[in-house]
PDB file of all heavy atoms in Angstrom:
ATOM      1  N   LEU A   1       0.864  -1.181   0.000  1.00  0.00           N
ATOM      2  CA  LEU A   1       0.000   0.000   0.000  1.00  0.00           C
ATOM      3  C   LEU A   1       0.897   1.226   0.000  1.00  0.00           C
ATOM      4  O   LEU A   1       1.748   1.382   0.880  1.00  0.00           O
ATOM      5  CB  LEU A   1      -0.919   0.028   1.221  1.00  0.00           C
ATOM      6  CG  LEU A   1      -1.737   1.320   1.421  1.00  0.00           C
ATOM      7  CD1 LEU A   1      -2.678   1.552   0.245  1.00  0.00           C
ATOM      8  CD2 LEU A   1      -2.510   1.289   2.727  1.00  0.00           C
ATOM      9  N   ASN A   2       0.724   2.084  -0.982  1.00  0.00           N
ATOM     10  CA  ASN A   2       1.499   3.315  -1.097  1.00  0.00           C
ATOM     11  C   ASN A   2       0.520   4.491  -1.106  1.00  0.00           C
ATOM     12  O   ASN A   2      -0.301   4.618  -2.015  1.00  0.00           O
ATOM     13  CB  ASN A   2       2.326   3.288  -2.386  1.00  0.00           C
ATOM     14  CG  ASN A   2       3.113   4.564  -2.597  1.00  0.00           C
ATOM     15  OD1 ASN A   2       3.486   5.233  -1.637  1.00  0.00           O
ATOM     16  ND2 ASN A   2       3.359   4.923  -3.841  1.00  0.00           N
ATOM     17  N   THR A   3       0.587   5.328  -0.078  1.00  0.00           N
ATOM     18  CA  THR A   3      -0.344   6.455   0.068  1.00  0.00           C
ATOM     19  C   THR A   3       0.438   7.756   0.233  1.00  0.00           C
ATOM     20  O   THR A   3       1.399   7.812   1.008  1.00  0.00           O
ATOM     21  CB  THR A   3      -1.245   6.259   1.304  1.00  0.00           C
ATOM     22  OG1 THR A   3      -2.021   5.078   1.141  1.00  0.00           O
ATOM     23  CG2 THR A   3      -2.185   7.444   1.481  1.00  0.00           C
ATOM     24  N   LYS A   4       0.013   8.784  -0.485  1.00  0.00           N
ATOM     25  CA  LYS A   4       0.626  10.106  -0.337  1.00  0.00           C
ATOM     26  C   LYS A   4      -0.454  11.159  -0.570  1.00  0.00           C
ATOM     27  O   LYS A   4      -1.338  10.982  -1.405  1.00  0.00           O
ATOM     28  CB  LYS A   4       1.776  10.299  -1.319  1.00  0.00           C
ATOM     29  CG  LYS A   4       1.461   9.903  -2.748  1.00  0.00           C
ATOM     30  CD  LYS A   4       2.716   9.786  -3.569  1.00  0.00           C
ATOM     31  CE  LYS A   4       2.412   9.306  -4.987  1.00  0.00           C
ATOM     32  NZ  LYS A   4       1.900   7.922  -5.003  1.00  0.00           N
ATOM     33  N   GLY A   5      -0.391  12.244   0.185  1.00  0.00           N
ATOM     34  CA  GLY A   5      -1.413  13.276   0.038  1.00  0.00           C
ATOM     35  C   GLY A   5      -1.265  14.355   1.089  1.00  0.00           C
ATOM     36  O   GLY A   5      -0.187  14.582   1.643  1.00  0.00           O
ATOM     37  N   LEU A   6      -2.386  15.028   1.379  1.00  0.00           N
ATOM     38  CA  LEU A   6      -2.410  16.138   2.328  1.00  0.00           C
ATOM     39  C   LEU A   6      -3.647  16.053   3.215  1.00  0.00           C
ATOM     40  O   LEU A   6      -4.698  15.572   2.773  1.00  0.00           O
ATOM     41  CB  LEU A   6      -2.431  17.486   1.600  1.00  0.00           C
ATOM     42  CG  LEU A   6      -1.182  17.957   0.866  1.00  0.00           C
ATOM     43  CD1 LEU A   6      -1.506  19.231   0.090  1.00  0.00           C
ATOM     44  CD2 LEU A   6      -0.039  18.217   1.843  1.00  0.00           C
ATOM     45  N   THR A   7      -3.519  16.529   4.434  1.00  0.00           N
ATOM     46  CA  THR A   7      -4.684  16.757   5.293  1.00  0.00           C
ATOM     47  C   THR A   7      -4.633  18.207   5.771  1.00  0.00           C
ATOM     48  O   THR A   7      -3.544  18.773   5.935  1.00  0.00           O
ATOM     49  CB  THR A   7      -4.693  15.838   6.528  1.00  0.00           C
ATOM     50  OG1 THR A   7      -3.604  16.176   7.387  1.00  0.00           O
ATOM     51  CG2 THR A   7      -4.597  14.381   6.117  1.00  0.00           C
ATOM     52  N   PHE A   8      -5.794  18.786   5.967  1.00  0.00           N
ATOM     53  CA  PHE A   8      -5.836  20.121   6.563  1.00  0.00           C
ATOM     54  C   PHE A   8      -7.115  20.276   7.362  1.00  0.00           C
ATOM     55  O   PHE A   8      -8.113  19.603   7.119  1.00  0.00           O
ATOM     56  CB  PHE A   8      -5.697  21.222   5.504  1.00  0.00           C
ATOM     57  CG  PHE A   8      -6.829  21.288   4.510  1.00  0.00           C
ATOM     58  CD1 PHE A   8      -7.961  22.037   4.772  1.00  0.00           C
ATOM     59  CD2 PHE A   8      -6.743  20.608   3.301  1.00  0.00           C
ATOM     60  CE1 PHE A   8      -8.995  22.107   3.860  1.00  0.00           C
ATOM     61  CE2 PHE A   8      -7.770  20.670   2.379  1.00  0.00           C
ATOM     62  CZ  PHE A   8      -8.899  21.421   2.653  1.00  0.00           C
ATOM     63  N   ARG A   9      -7.049  21.174   8.336  1.00  0.00           N
ATOM     64  CA  ARG A   9      -8.226  21.473   9.143  1.00  0.00           C
ATOM     65  C   ARG A   9      -8.083  22.901   9.664  1.00  0.00           C
ATOM     66  O   ARG A   9      -6.986  23.480   9.645  1.00  0.00           O
ATOM     67  CB  ARG A   9      -8.376  20.506  10.317  1.00  0.00           C
ATOM     68  CG  ARG A   9      -7.431  20.758  11.472  1.00  0.00           C
ATOM     69  CD  ARG A   9      -7.727  19.866  12.664  1.00  0.00           C
ATOM     70  NE  ARG A   9      -7.017  20.298  13.851  1.00  0.00           N
ATOM     71  CZ  ARG A   9      -5.767  19.981  14.132  1.00  0.00           C
ATOM     72  NH1 ARG A   9      -5.078  19.210  13.307  1.00  0.00           N
ATOM     73  NH2 ARG A   9      -5.196  20.423  15.243  1.00  0.00           N
ATOM     74  N   GLY A  10      -9.199  23.473  10.111  1.00  0.00           N
ATOM     75  CA  GLY A  10      -9.126  24.822  10.641  1.00  0.00           C
ATOM     76  C   GLY A  10     -10.457  25.271  11.184  1.00  0.00           C
ATOM     77  O   GLY A  10     -11.436  24.526  11.226  1.00  0.00           O
ATOM     78  N   ARG A  11     -10.505  26.528  11.607  1.00  0.00           N
ATOM     79  CA  ARG A  11     -11.751  27.143  12.057  1.00  0.00           C
ATOM     80  C   ARG A  11     -11.694  28.629  11.771  1.00  0.00           C
ATOM     81  O   ARG A  11     -10.613  29.231  11.703  1.00  0.00           O
ATOM     82  CB  ARG A  11     -12.023  26.874  13.535  1.00  0.00           C
ATOM     83  CG  ARG A  11     -11.027  27.468  14.504  1.00  0.00           C
ATOM     84  CD  ARG A  11     -11.284  26.949  15.915  1.00  0.00           C
ATOM     85  NE  ARG A  11     -10.366  27.514  16.892  1.00  0.00           N
ATOM     86  CZ  ARG A  11     -10.690  28.414  17.807  1.00  0.00           C
ATOM     87  NH1 ARG A  11     -11.940  28.861  17.863  1.00  0.00           N
ATOM     88  NH2 ARG A  11      -9.809  28.868  18.660  1.00  0.00           N
ATOM     89  N   ILE A  12     -12.851  29.203  11.588  1.00  0.00           N
ATOM     90  CA  ILE A  12     -12.960  30.614  11.231  1.00  0.00           C
ATOM     91  C   ILE A  12     -13.839  31.321  12.258  1.00  0.00           C
ATOM     92  O   ILE A  12     -15.015  30.975  12.424  1.00  0.00           O
ATOM     93  CB  ILE A  12     -13.560  30.786   9.824  1.00  0.00           C
ATOM     94  CG1 ILE A  12     -12.692  30.041   8.786  1.00  0.00           C
ATOM     95  CG2 ILE A  12     -13.683  32.250   9.457  1.00  0.00           C
ATOM     96  CD1 ILE A  12     -13.304  30.004   7.401  1.00  0.00           C
ATOM     97  N   ALA A  13     -13.249  32.307  12.932  1.00  0.00           N
ATOM     98  CA  ALA A  13     -13.977  33.183  13.860  1.00  0.00           C
ATOM     99  C   ALA A  13     -14.846  32.428  14.866  1.00  0.00           C
ATOM    100  O   ALA A  13     -15.923  32.887  15.240  1.00  0.00           O
ATOM    101  CB  ALA A  13     -14.836  34.169  13.077  1.00  0.00           C
ATOM    102  N   ASP A  14     -14.396  31.249  15.290  1.00  0.00           N
ATOM    103  CA  ASP A  14     -15.110  30.462  16.303  1.00  0.00           C
ATOM    104  C   ASP A  14     -16.502  30.008  15.858  1.00  0.00           C
ATOM    105  O   ASP A  14     -17.298  29.548  16.683  1.00  0.00           O
ATOM    106  CB  ASP A  14     -15.241  31.232  17.622  1.00  0.00           C
ATOM    107  CG  ASP A  14     -13.940  31.228  18.406  1.00  0.00           C
ATOM    108  OD1 ASP A  14     -13.037  30.454  18.034  1.00  0.00           O
ATOM    109  OD2 ASP A  14     -13.831  31.995  19.370  1.00  0.00           O
ATOM    110  N   HIS A  15     -16.825  30.147  14.593  1.00  0.00           N
ATOM    111  CA  HIS A  15     -18.158  29.771  14.128  1.00  0.00           C
ATOM    112  C   HIS A  15     -18.154  28.551  13.222  1.00  0.00           C
ATOM    113  O   HIS A  15     -19.099  27.768  13.238  1.00  0.00           O
ATOM    114  CB  HIS A  15     -18.808  30.934  13.369  1.00  0.00           C
ATOM    115  CG  HIS A  15     -19.157  32.098  14.226  1.00  0.00           C
ATOM    116  ND1 HIS A  15     -19.819  31.965  15.422  1.00  0.00           N
ATOM    117  CD2 HIS A  15     -18.931  33.432  14.080  1.00  0.00           C
ATOM    118  CE1 HIS A  15     -19.994  33.151  15.970  1.00  0.00           C
ATOM    119  NE2 HIS A  15     -19.457  34.062  15.173  1.00  0.00           N
ATOM    120  N   VAL A  16     -17.131  28.388  12.422  1.00  0.00           N
ATOM    121  CA  VAL A  16     -17.105  27.308  11.436  1.00  0.00           C
ATOM    122  C   VAL A  16     -15.829  26.492  11.601  1.00  0.00           C
ATOM    123  O   VAL A  16     -14.734  27.048  11.692  1.00  0.00           O
ATOM    124  CB  VAL A  16     -17.165  27.864   9.997  1.00  0.00           C
ATOM    125  CG1 VAL A  16     -17.116  26.727   8.981  1.00  0.00           C
ATOM    126  CG2 VAL A  16     -18.428  28.686   9.802  1.00  0.00           C
ATOM    127  N   GLY A  17     -15.986  25.187  11.660  1.00  0.00           N
ATOM    128  CA  GLY A  17     -14.837  24.288  11.657  1.00  0.00           C
ATOM    129  C   GLY A  17     -14.843  23.477  10.378  1.00  0.00           C
ATOM    130  O   GLY A  17     -15.912  23.129   9.860  1.00  0.00           O
ATOM    131  N   PHE A  18     -13.682  23.157   9.857  1.00  0.00           N
ATOM    132  CA  PHE A  18     -13.610  22.370   8.626  1.00  0.00           C
ATOM    133  C   PHE A  18     -12.388  21.472   8.654  1.00  0.00           C
ATOM    134  O   PHE A  18     -11.385  21.768   9.326  1.00  0.00           O
ATOM    135  CB  PHE A  18     -13.562  23.288   7.397  1.00  0.00           C
ATOM    136  CG  PHE A  18     -12.392  24.243   7.381  1.00  0.00           C
ATOM    137  CD1 PHE A  18     -11.172  23.900   6.816  1.00  0.00           C
ATOM    138  CD2 PHE A  18     -12.522  25.507   7.960  1.00  0.00           C
ATOM    139  CE1 PHE A  18     -10.109  24.780   6.816  1.00  0.00           C
ATOM    140  CE2 PHE A  18     -11.451  26.401   7.953  1.00  0.00           C
ATOM    141  CZ  PHE A  18     -10.237  26.035   7.386  1.00  0.00           C
ATOM    142  N   SER A  19     -12.467  20.371   7.955  1.00  0.00           N
ATOM    143  CA  SER A  19     -11.331  19.465   7.836  1.00  0.00           C
ATOM    144  C   SER A  19     -11.455  18.696   6.535  1.00  0.00           C
ATOM    145  O   SER A  19     -12.561  18.483   6.019  1.00  0.00           O
ATOM    146  CB  SER A  19     -11.284  18.482   9.017  1.00  0.00           C
ATOM    147  OG  SER A  19     -12.432  17.640   9.012  1.00  0.00           O
ATOM    148  N   SER A  20     -10.323  18.290   5.985  1.00  0.00           N
ATOM    149  CA  SER A  20     -10.341  17.564   4.718  1.00  0.00           C
ATOM    150  C   SER A  20      -9.040  16.797   4.545  1.00  0.00           C
ATOM    151  O   SER A  20      -8.018  17.134   5.165  1.00  0.00           O
ATOM    152  CB  SER A  20     -10.544  18.529   3.547  1.00  0.00           C
ATOM    153  OG  SER A  20     -10.674  17.820   2.327  1.00  0.00           O
ATOM    154  N   SER A  21      -9.090  15.778   3.731  1.00  0.00           N
ATOM    155  CA  SER A  21      -7.887  15.042   3.356  1.00  0.00           C
ATOM    156  C   SER A  21      -8.051  14.546   1.930  1.00  0.00           C
ATOM    157  O   SER A  21      -9.163  14.238   1.485  1.00  0.00           O
ATOM    158  CB  SER A  21      -7.643  13.861   4.297  1.00  0.00           C
ATOM    159  OG  SER A  21      -8.644  12.863   4.120  1.00  0.00           O
ATOM    160  N   ILE A  22      -6.950  14.482   1.211  1.00  0.00           N
ATOM    161  CA  ILE A  22      -6.955  13.934  -0.132  1.00  0.00           C
ATOM    162  C   ILE A  22      -5.684  13.119  -0.307  1.00  0.00           C
ATOM    163  O   ILE A  22      -4.585  13.584   0.026  1.00  0.00           O
ATOM    164  CB  ILE A  22      -7.073  15.034  -1.207  1.00  0.00           C
ATOM    165  CG1 ILE A  22      -7.088  14.398  -2.607  1.00  0.00           C
ATOM    166  CG2 ILE A  22      -5.984  16.083  -1.072  1.00  0.00           C
ATOM    167  CD1 ILE A  22      -7.485  15.361  -3.697  1.00  0.00           C
ATOM    168  N   THR A  23      -5.835  11.890  -0.774  1.00  0.00           N
ATOM    169  CA  THR A  23      -4.683  11.014  -0.938  1.00  0.00           C
ATOM    170  C   THR A  23      -4.727  10.303  -2.280  1.00  0.00           C
ATOM    171  O   THR A  23      -5.794  10.027  -2.824  1.00  0.00           O
ATOM    172  CB  THR A  23      -4.631   9.941   0.172  1.00  0.00           C
ATOM    173  OG1 THR A  23      -5.845   9.167   0.151  1.00  0.00           O
ATOM    174  CG2 THR A  23      -4.457  10.578   1.537  1.00  0.00           C
ATOM    175  N   ASP A  24      -3.547  10.025  -2.796  1.00  0.00           N
ATOM    176  CA  ASP A  24      -3.360   9.218  -3.998  1.00  0.00           C
ATOM    177  C   ASP A  24      -2.825   7.870  -3.534  1.00  0.00           C
ATOM    178  O   ASP A  24      -1.834   7.808  -2.778  1.00  0.00           O
ATOM    179  CB  ASP A  24      -2.365   9.912  -4.938  1.00  0.00           C
ATOM    180  CG  ASP A  24      -2.055   9.075  -6.167  1.00  0.00           C
ATOM    181  OD1 ASP A  24      -2.915   8.265  -6.562  1.00  0.00           O
ATOM    182  OD2 ASP A  24      -0.953   9.231  -6.730  1.00  0.00           O
ATOM    183  N   ASN A  25      -3.464   6.772  -3.952  1.00  0.00           N
ATOM    184  CA  ASN A  25      -3.152   5.452  -3.414  1.00  0.00           C
ATOM    185  C   ASN A  25      -2.889   4.438  -4.503  1.00  0.00           C
ATOM    186  O   ASN A  25      -3.611   4.409  -5.517  1.00  0.00           O
ATOM    187  CB  ASN A  25      -4.321   4.941  -2.554  1.00  0.00           C
ATOM    188  CG  ASN A  25      -4.725   5.928  -1.479  1.00  0.00           C
ATOM    189  OD1 ASN A  25      -4.238   5.885  -0.369  1.00  0.00           O
ATOM    190  ND2 ASN A  25      -5.643   6.840  -1.825  1.00  0.00           N
ATOM    191  N   GLN A  26      -1.885   3.613  -4.297  1.00  0.00           N
ATOM    192  CA  GLN A  26      -1.649   2.435  -5.121  1.00  0.00           C
ATOM    193  C   GLN A  26      -1.611   1.244  -4.169  1.00  0.00           C
ATOM    194  O   GLN A  26      -0.872   1.263  -3.175  1.00  0.00           O
ATOM    195  CB  GLN A  26      -0.317   2.537  -5.893  1.00  0.00           C
ATOM    196  CG  GLN A  26      -0.292   3.631  -6.957  1.00  0.00           C
ATOM    197  CD  GLN A  26      -0.063   5.013  -6.384  1.00  0.00           C
ATOM    198  OE1 GLN A  26       0.788   5.192  -5.507  1.00  0.00           O
ATOM    199  NE2 GLN A  26      -0.828   5.999  -6.849  1.00  0.00           N
ATOM    200  N   GLU A  27      -2.414   0.231  -4.462  1.00  0.00           N
ATOM    201  CA  GLU A  27      -2.603  -0.842  -3.491  1.00  0.00           C
ATOM    202  C   GLU A  27      -2.729  -2.193  -4.181  1.00  0.00           C
ATOM    203  O   GLU A  27      -3.418  -2.342  -5.189  1.00  0.00           O
ATOM    204  CB  GLU A  27      -3.850  -0.566  -2.652  1.00  0.00           C
ATOM    205  CG  GLU A  27      -4.158  -1.617  -1.609  1.00  0.00           C
ATOM    206  CD  GLU A  27      -5.339  -1.240  -0.728  1.00  0.00           C
ATOM    207  OE1 GLU A  27      -6.078  -0.295  -1.097  1.00  0.00           O
ATOM    208  OE2 GLU A  27      -5.519  -1.877   0.320  1.00  0.00           O
ATOM    209  N   ARG A  28      -2.056  -3.188  -3.622  1.00  0.00           N
ATOM    210  CA  ARG A  28      -2.314  -4.591  -3.956  1.00  0.00           C
ATOM    211  C   ARG A  28      -2.509  -5.312  -2.630  1.00  0.00           C
ATOM    212  O   ARG A  28      -1.603  -5.388  -1.809  1.00  0.00           O
ATOM    213  CB  ARG A  28      -1.167  -5.228  -4.730  1.00  0.00           C
ATOM    214  CG  ARG A  28      -1.422  -6.739  -4.976  1.00  0.00           C
ATOM    215  CD  ARG A  28      -0.260  -7.427  -5.668  1.00  0.00           C
ATOM    216  NE  ARG A  28      -0.231  -7.106  -7.077  1.00  0.00           N
ATOM    217  CZ  ARG A  28       0.833  -6.652  -7.722  1.00  0.00           C
ATOM    218  NH1 ARG A  28       1.953  -6.434  -7.055  1.00  0.00           N
ATOM    219  NH2 ARG A  28       0.782  -6.392  -9.020  1.00  0.00           N
ATOM    220  N   GLY A  29      -3.712  -5.816  -2.403  1.00  0.00           N
ATOM    221  CA  GLY A  29      -4.032  -6.489  -1.150  1.00  0.00           C
ATOM    222  C   GLY A  29      -3.825  -7.984  -1.243  1.00  0.00           C
ATOM    223  O   GLY A  29      -3.462  -8.519  -2.295  1.00  0.00           O
ATOM    224  N   PRO A  30      -4.068  -8.705  -0.160  1.00  0.00           N
ATOM    225  CA  PRO A  30      -3.998 -10.167  -0.179  1.00  0.00           C
ATOM    226  C   PRO A  30      -5.113 -10.756  -1.044  1.00  0.00           C
ATOM    227  O   PRO A  30      -5.992 -10.040  -1.523  1.00  0.00           O
ATOM    228  CB  PRO A  30      -4.163 -10.544   1.298  1.00  0.00           C
ATOM    229  CG  PRO A  30      -4.845  -9.364   1.925  1.00  0.00           C
ATOM    230  CD  PRO A  30      -4.387  -8.161   1.168  1.00  0.00           C
ATOM    231  N   ASP A  31      -5.105 -12.048  -1.225  1.00  0.00           N
ATOM    232  CA  ASP A  31      -6.028 -12.700  -2.161  1.00  0.00           C
ATOM    233  C   ASP A  31      -7.496 -12.412  -1.848  1.00  0.00           C
ATOM    234  O   ASP A  31      -8.291 -12.137  -2.754  1.00  0.00           O
ATOM    235  CB  ASP A  31      -5.794 -14.216  -2.154  1.00  0.00           C
ATOM    236  CG  ASP A  31      -4.491 -14.596  -2.843  1.00  0.00           C
ATOM    237  OD1 ASP A  31      -3.986 -13.779  -3.637  1.00  0.00           O
ATOM    238  OD2 ASP A  31      -3.979 -15.702  -2.582  1.00  0.00           O
ATOM    239  N   PHE A  32      -7.874 -12.480  -0.562  1.00  0.00           N
ATOM    240  CA  PHE A  32      -9.285 -12.285  -0.221  1.00  0.00           C
ATOM    241  C   PHE A  32      -9.737 -10.871  -0.563  1.00  0.00           C
ATOM    242  O   PHE A  32     -10.885 -10.628  -0.911  1.00  0.00           O
ATOM    243  CB  PHE A  32      -9.535 -12.591   1.263  1.00  0.00           C
ATOM    244  CG  PHE A  32      -8.989 -11.571   2.218  1.00  0.00           C
ATOM    245  CD1 PHE A  32      -9.737 -10.455   2.584  1.00  0.00           C
ATOM    246  CD2 PHE A  32      -7.720 -11.720   2.755  1.00  0.00           C
ATOM    247  CE1 PHE A  32      -9.237  -9.510   3.458  1.00  0.00           C
ATOM    248  CE2 PHE A  32      -7.211 -10.771   3.632  1.00  0.00           C
ATOM    249  CZ  PHE A  32      -7.963  -9.675   3.983  1.00  0.00           C
ATOM    250  N   PHE A  33      -8.808  -9.916  -0.449  1.00  0.00           N
ATOM    251  CA  PHE A  33      -9.102  -8.528  -0.777  1.00  0.00           C
ATOM    252  C   PHE A  33      -9.339  -8.387  -2.280  1.00  0.00           C
ATOM    253  O   PHE A  33     -10.325  -7.783  -2.718  1.00  0.00           O
ATOM    254  CB  PHE A  33      -7.922  -7.658  -0.329  1.00  0.00           C
ATOM    255  CG  PHE A  33      -8.028  -6.207  -0.718  1.00  0.00           C
ATOM    256  CD1 PHE A  33      -8.677  -5.299   0.098  1.00  0.00           C
ATOM    257  CD2 PHE A  33      -7.463  -5.748  -1.898  1.00  0.00           C
ATOM    258  CE1 PHE A  33      -8.764  -3.964  -0.248  1.00  0.00           C
ATOM    259  CE2 PHE A  33      -7.541  -4.417  -2.252  1.00  0.00           C
ATOM    260  CZ  PHE A  33      -8.193  -3.524  -1.432  1.00  0.00           C
ATOM    261  N   THR A  34      -8.448  -8.951  -3.089  1.00  0.00           N
ATOM    262  CA  THR A  34      -8.570  -8.870  -4.543  1.00  0.00           C
ATOM    263  C   THR A  34      -9.843  -9.553  -5.018  1.00  0.00           C
ATOM    264  O   THR A  34     -10.550  -9.053  -5.906  1.00  0.00           O
ATOM    265  CB  THR A  34      -7.347  -9.510  -5.218  1.00  0.00           C
ATOM    266  OG1 THR A  34      -6.151  -8.900  -4.713  1.00  0.00           O
ATOM    267  CG2 THR A  34      -7.395  -9.335  -6.721  1.00  0.00           C
ATOM    268  N   THR A  35     -10.166 -10.709  -4.407  1.00  0.00           N
ATOM    269  CA  THR A  35     -11.390 -11.424  -4.775  1.00  0.00           C
ATOM    270  C   THR A  35     -12.618 -10.578  -4.497  1.00  0.00           C
ATOM    271  O   THR A  35     -13.574 -10.551  -5.280  1.00  0.00           O
ATOM    272  CB  THR A  35     -11.489 -12.745  -3.987  1.00  0.00           C
ATOM    273  OG1 THR A  35     -10.346 -13.545  -4.280  1.00  0.00           O
ATOM    274  CG2 THR A  35     -12.753 -13.506  -4.365  1.00  0.00           C
ATOM    275  N   ARG A  36     -12.589  -9.853  -3.397  1.00  0.00           N
ATOM    276  CA  ARG A  36     -13.724  -9.015  -3.011  1.00  0.00           C
ATOM    277  C   ARG A  36     -13.958  -7.882  -4.009  1.00  0.00           C
ATOM    278  O   ARG A  36     -15.095  -7.478  -4.247  1.00  0.00           O
ATOM    279  CB  ARG A  36     -13.474  -8.438  -1.614  1.00  0.00           C
ATOM    280  CG  ARG A  36     -14.605  -7.583  -1.073  1.00  0.00           C
ATOM    281  CD  ARG A  36     -15.864  -8.396  -0.863  1.00  0.00           C
ATOM    282  NE  ARG A  36     -16.946  -7.578  -0.349  1.00  0.00           N
ATOM    283  CZ  ARG A  36     -18.200  -7.986  -0.250  1.00  0.00           C
ATOM    284  NH1 ARG A  36     -18.529  -9.206  -0.633  1.00  0.00           N
ATOM    285  NH2 ARG A  36     -19.126  -7.186   0.226  1.00  0.00           N
ATOM    286  N   VAL A  37     -12.888  -7.381  -4.612  1.00  0.00           N
ATOM    287  CA  VAL A  37     -13.006  -6.282  -5.564  1.00  0.00           C
ATOM    288  C   VAL A  37     -13.920  -6.662  -6.727  1.00  0.00           C
ATOM    289  O   VAL A  37     -14.743  -5.871  -7.191  1.00  0.00           O
ATOM    290  CB  VAL A  37     -11.613  -5.868  -6.089  1.00  0.00           C
ATOM    291  CG1 VAL A  37     -11.736  -4.864  -7.233  1.00  0.00           C
ATOM    292  CG2 VAL A  37     -10.781  -5.261  -4.959  1.00  0.00           C
ATOM    293  N   TYR A  38     -13.805  -7.905  -7.184  1.00  0.00           N
ATOM    294  CA  TYR A  38     -14.560  -8.326  -8.363  1.00  0.00           C
ATOM    295  C   TYR A  38     -15.760  -9.208  -8.029  1.00  0.00           C
ATOM    296  O   TYR A  38     -16.463  -9.665  -8.927  1.00  0.00           O
ATOM    297  CB  TYR A  38     -13.633  -9.093  -9.307  1.00  0.00           C
ATOM    298  CG  TYR A  38     -12.473  -8.266  -9.816  1.00  0.00           C
ATOM    299  CD1 TYR A  38     -11.203  -8.420  -9.273  1.00  0.00           C
ATOM    300  CD2 TYR A  38     -12.647  -7.322 -10.827  1.00  0.00           C
ATOM    301  CE1 TYR A  38     -10.131  -7.654  -9.725  1.00  0.00           C
ATOM    302  CE2 TYR A  38     -11.588  -6.562 -11.285  1.00  0.00           C
ATOM    303  CZ  TYR A  38     -10.330  -6.735 -10.729  1.00  0.00           C
ATOM    304  OH  TYR A  38      -9.272  -5.979 -11.194  1.00  0.00           O
ATOM    305  N   ALA A  39     -16.014  -9.459  -6.736  1.00  0.00           N
ATOM    306  CA  ALA A  39     -17.015 -10.457  -6.347  1.00  0.00           C
ATOM    307  C   ALA A  39     -18.428 -10.104  -6.760  1.00  0.00           C
ATOM    308  O   ALA A  39     -19.207 -10.974  -7.154  1.00  0.00           O
ATOM    309  CB  ALA A  39     -16.953 -10.684  -4.834  1.00  0.00           C
ATOM    310  N   SER A  40     -18.818  -8.847  -6.699  1.00  0.00           N
ATOM    311  CA  SER A  40     -20.221  -8.473  -6.893  1.00  0.00           C
ATOM    312  C   SER A  40     -20.617  -8.335  -8.360  1.00  0.00           C
ATOM    313  O   SER A  40     -21.800  -8.215  -8.676  1.00  0.00           O
ATOM    314  CB  SER A  40     -20.499  -7.146  -6.182  1.00  0.00           C
ATOM    315  OG  SER A  40     -19.779  -6.092  -6.814  1.00  0.00           O
ATOM    316  N   GLY A  41     -19.661  -8.348  -9.239  1.00  0.00           N
ATOM    317  CA  GLY A  41     -19.957  -8.079 -10.649  1.00  0.00           C
ATOM    318  C   GLY A  41     -19.863  -6.598 -10.977  1.00  0.00           C
ATOM    319  O   GLY A  41     -19.946  -6.195 -12.140  1.00  0.00           O
ATOM    320  N   TYR A  42     -19.732  -5.758  -9.925  1.00  0.00           N
ATOM    321  CA  TYR A  42     -19.531  -4.317 -10.088  1.00  0.00           C
ATOM    322  C   TYR A  42     -18.219  -3.970  -9.394  1.00  0.00           C
ATOM    323  O   TYR A  42     -18.217  -3.653  -8.203  1.00  0.00           O
ATOM    324  CB  TYR A  42     -20.695  -3.535  -9.483  1.00  0.00           C
ATOM    325  CG  TYR A  42     -22.021  -3.829 -10.130  1.00  0.00           C
ATOM    326  CD1 TYR A  42     -22.874  -4.783  -9.590  1.00  0.00           C
ATOM    327  CD2 TYR A  42     -22.412  -3.160 -11.293  1.00  0.00           C
ATOM    328  CE1 TYR A  42     -24.100  -5.065 -10.189  1.00  0.00           C
ATOM    329  CE2 TYR A  42     -23.627  -3.431 -11.888  1.00  0.00           C
ATOM    330  CZ  TYR A  42     -24.466  -4.391 -11.337  1.00  0.00           C
ATOM    331  OH  TYR A  42     -25.670  -4.667 -11.944  1.00  0.00           O
ATOM    332  N   PRO A  43     -17.103  -4.055 -10.091  1.00  0.00           N
ATOM    333  CA  PRO A  43     -15.789  -3.919  -9.462  1.00  0.00           C
ATOM    334  C   PRO A  43     -15.668  -2.639  -8.631  1.00  0.00           C
ATOM    335  O   PRO A  43     -16.002  -1.548  -9.080  1.00  0.00           O
ATOM    336  CB  PRO A  43     -14.825  -3.888 -10.656  1.00  0.00           C
ATOM    337  CG  PRO A  43     -15.554  -4.631 -11.733  1.00  0.00           C
ATOM    338  CD  PRO A  43     -17.001  -4.285 -11.545  1.00  0.00           C
TER     339      PRO A  43
END
């Protein structure tokens, strides 16, 4: 699993809070994980 990205959070004037994250991922899981990806017919 290779993940890279950014997270940020903040608040404005004590009224609004916000948070977010965005990541780019490359992943190869174990066999049961890969099987699950295609199991439903909707990958």
